[in-house]
Amino acid sequence: MQVLIQYTVKREEVPAHLELVGEVYADLRRLAPVGLGCATYQLEDGASFVEVLTGPTGPGPLAASAAFQRFRSTLDARCERPPVLSELREVGSYTPAPLSAGQGPA
């Protein structure tokens, strides 16, 4: 399953939001959940965010993260525009092979 989540936080909430996002990723690095991929992007307006999640359907590994539970429990109050979830269906992708040592850009 792949999900795209889009939302905008209140400008005054951006610093607290970024701190909570950082705590979620620190917790995920500690838990190292198998099969979960996620990324959070801050858009150029500074207050809009996009998250991309890949992994199992259902509550999955995020339910085990105390930091995610804190993040989610206060998200609605931080938002100017609430989260909108869209399930993604991949129609193509490309991931370059990792560079070997000594193959970096010139």
Protein backbone atom coordinates (compact mmCIF):
# COMPACT_ATOMS: atom_id res chain seq x y z
CA MET A 1 0.00 0.00 0.00
CA GLN A 2 1.20 3.50 -0.80
CA VAL A 3 -0.46 6.56 0.70
CA LEU A 4 0.03 10.28 0.12
CA ILE A 5 -0.99 12.62 2.95
CA GLN A 6 -1.20 16.38 2.41
CA TYR A 7 -1.89 19.04 5.04
CA THR A 8 -1.02 22.58 6.11
CA VAL A 9 -0.13 23.54 9.67
CA LYS A 10 -0.74 26.95 11.22
CA ARG A 11 2.35 29.13 10.75
CA GLU A 12 2.85 29.53 14.49
CA GLU A 13 2.78 25.73 14.85
CA VAL A 14 5.53 25.00 12.29
CA PRO A 15 8.45 24.86 14.81
CA ALA A 16 6.55 22.49 17.14
CA HIS A 17 5.42 20.42 14.16
CA LEU A 18 8.98 20.02 12.85
CA GLU A 19 10.13 18.94 16.31
CA LEU A 20 7.38 16.30 16.50
CA VAL A 21 8.23 15.04 12.99
CA GLY A 22 11.87 14.71 14.06
CA GLU A 23 10.83 12.71 17.12
CA VAL A 24 8.76 10.35 14.95
CA TYR A 25 11.72 9.65 12.66
CA ALA A 26 14.08 9.18 15.61
CA ASP A 27 11.62 6.67 17.06
CA LEU A 28 11.31 4.86 13.71
CA ARG A 29 15.10 4.61 13.42
CA ARG A 30 15.14 3.08 16.91
CA LEU A 31 12.27 0.66 16.20
CA ALA A 32 13.46 -0.16 12.63
CA PRO A 33 10.05 -1.47 11.51
CA VAL A 34 10.28 -4.02 8.70
CA GLY A 35 8.30 -3.19 5.57
CA LEU A 36 7.59 0.47 6.38
CA GLY A 37 8.85 3.29 4.23
CA CYS A 38 7.99 6.90 4.88
CA ALA A 39 9.14 10.37 4.00
CA THR A 40 7.92 13.82 5.04
CA TYR A 41 8.44 16.85 2.80
CA GLN A 42 8.00 20.51 3.70
CA LEU A 43 6.76 22.56 0.75
CA GLU A 44 8.23 25.92 -0.14
CA ASP A 45 5.48 27.89 1.62
CA GLY A 46 6.96 26.50 4.86
CA ALA A 47 3.64 25.43 6.35
CA SER A 48 2.44 22.76 3.92
CA PHE A 49 3.61 19.17 4.22
CA VAL A 50 3.37 16.01 2.15
CA GLU A 51 3.99 12.56 3.56
CA VAL A 52 4.45 9.39 1.53
CA LEU A 53 3.97 6.07 3.31
CA THR A 54 4.57 2.61 1.92
CA GLY A 55 3.99 -0.61 3.74
CA PRO A 56 1.39 -3.01 5.03
CA THR A 57 -2.29 -2.15 5.18
CA GLY A 58 -3.89 -1.61 8.57
CA PRO A 59 -2.37 0.08 11.61
CA GLY A 60 1.03 -1.43 10.91
CA PRO A 61 4.28 -0.42 12.56
CA LEU A 62 3.38 3.23 13.19
CA ALA A 63 0.97 2.10 15.91
CA ALA A 64 3.99 0.90 17.92
CA SER A 65 5.65 4.33 17.89
CA ALA A 66 4.95 6.44 20.96
CA ALA A 67 6.31 9.50 19.12
CA PHE A 68 3.87 8.91 16.25
CA GLN A 69 1.00 8.63 18.72
CA ARG A 70 1.99 12.02 20.21
CA PHE A 71 2.36 13.52 16.71
CA ARG A 72 -1.03 12.23 15.57
CA SER A 73 -2.93 13.10 18.77
CA THR A 74 -2.22 16.82 18.30
CA LEU A 75 -2.08 17.06 14.49
CA ASP A 76 -5.66 18.26 13.98
CA ALA A 77 -5.13 21.14 16.44
CA ARG A 78 -1.92 22.18 14.64
CA CYS A 79 -3.52 22.15 11.19
CA GLU A 80 -4.89 25.05 9.20
CA ARG A 81 -5.88 22.57 6.47
CA PRO A 82 -6.56 19.06 7.78
CA PRO A 83 -4.83 15.96 6.40
CA VAL A 84 -6.12 14.57 3.12
CA LEU A 85 -5.19 10.95 2.40
CA SER A 86 -4.94 9.53 -1.09
CA GLU A 87 -4.07 5.94 -1.90
CA LEU A 88 -1.46 5.78 -4.65
CA ARG A 89 -1.27 3.34 -7.53
CA GLU A 90 2.20 3.25 -9.05
CA VAL A 91 2.27 3.40 -12.83
CA GLY A 92 6.04 3.72 -13.18
CA SER A 93 9.16 4.49 -11.18
CA TYR A 94 12.92 4.70 -11.41
CA THR A 95 15.51 4.34 -8.68
CA PRO A 96 19.15 4.71 -9.71
CA ALA A 97 21.66 2.15 -8.51
CA PRO A 98 23.77 3.40 -5.61
CA LEU A 99 27.18 4.80 -6.57
CA SER A 100 30.17 2.66 -5.73
CA ALA A 101 33.11 4.15 -3.88
CA GLY A 102 35.05 6.38 -6.24
CA GLN A 103 32.09 6.78 -8.64
CA GLY A 104 30.84 10.07 -7.26
CA PRO A 105 30.14 13.12 -9.40
CA ALA A 106 33.23 14.85 -10.76
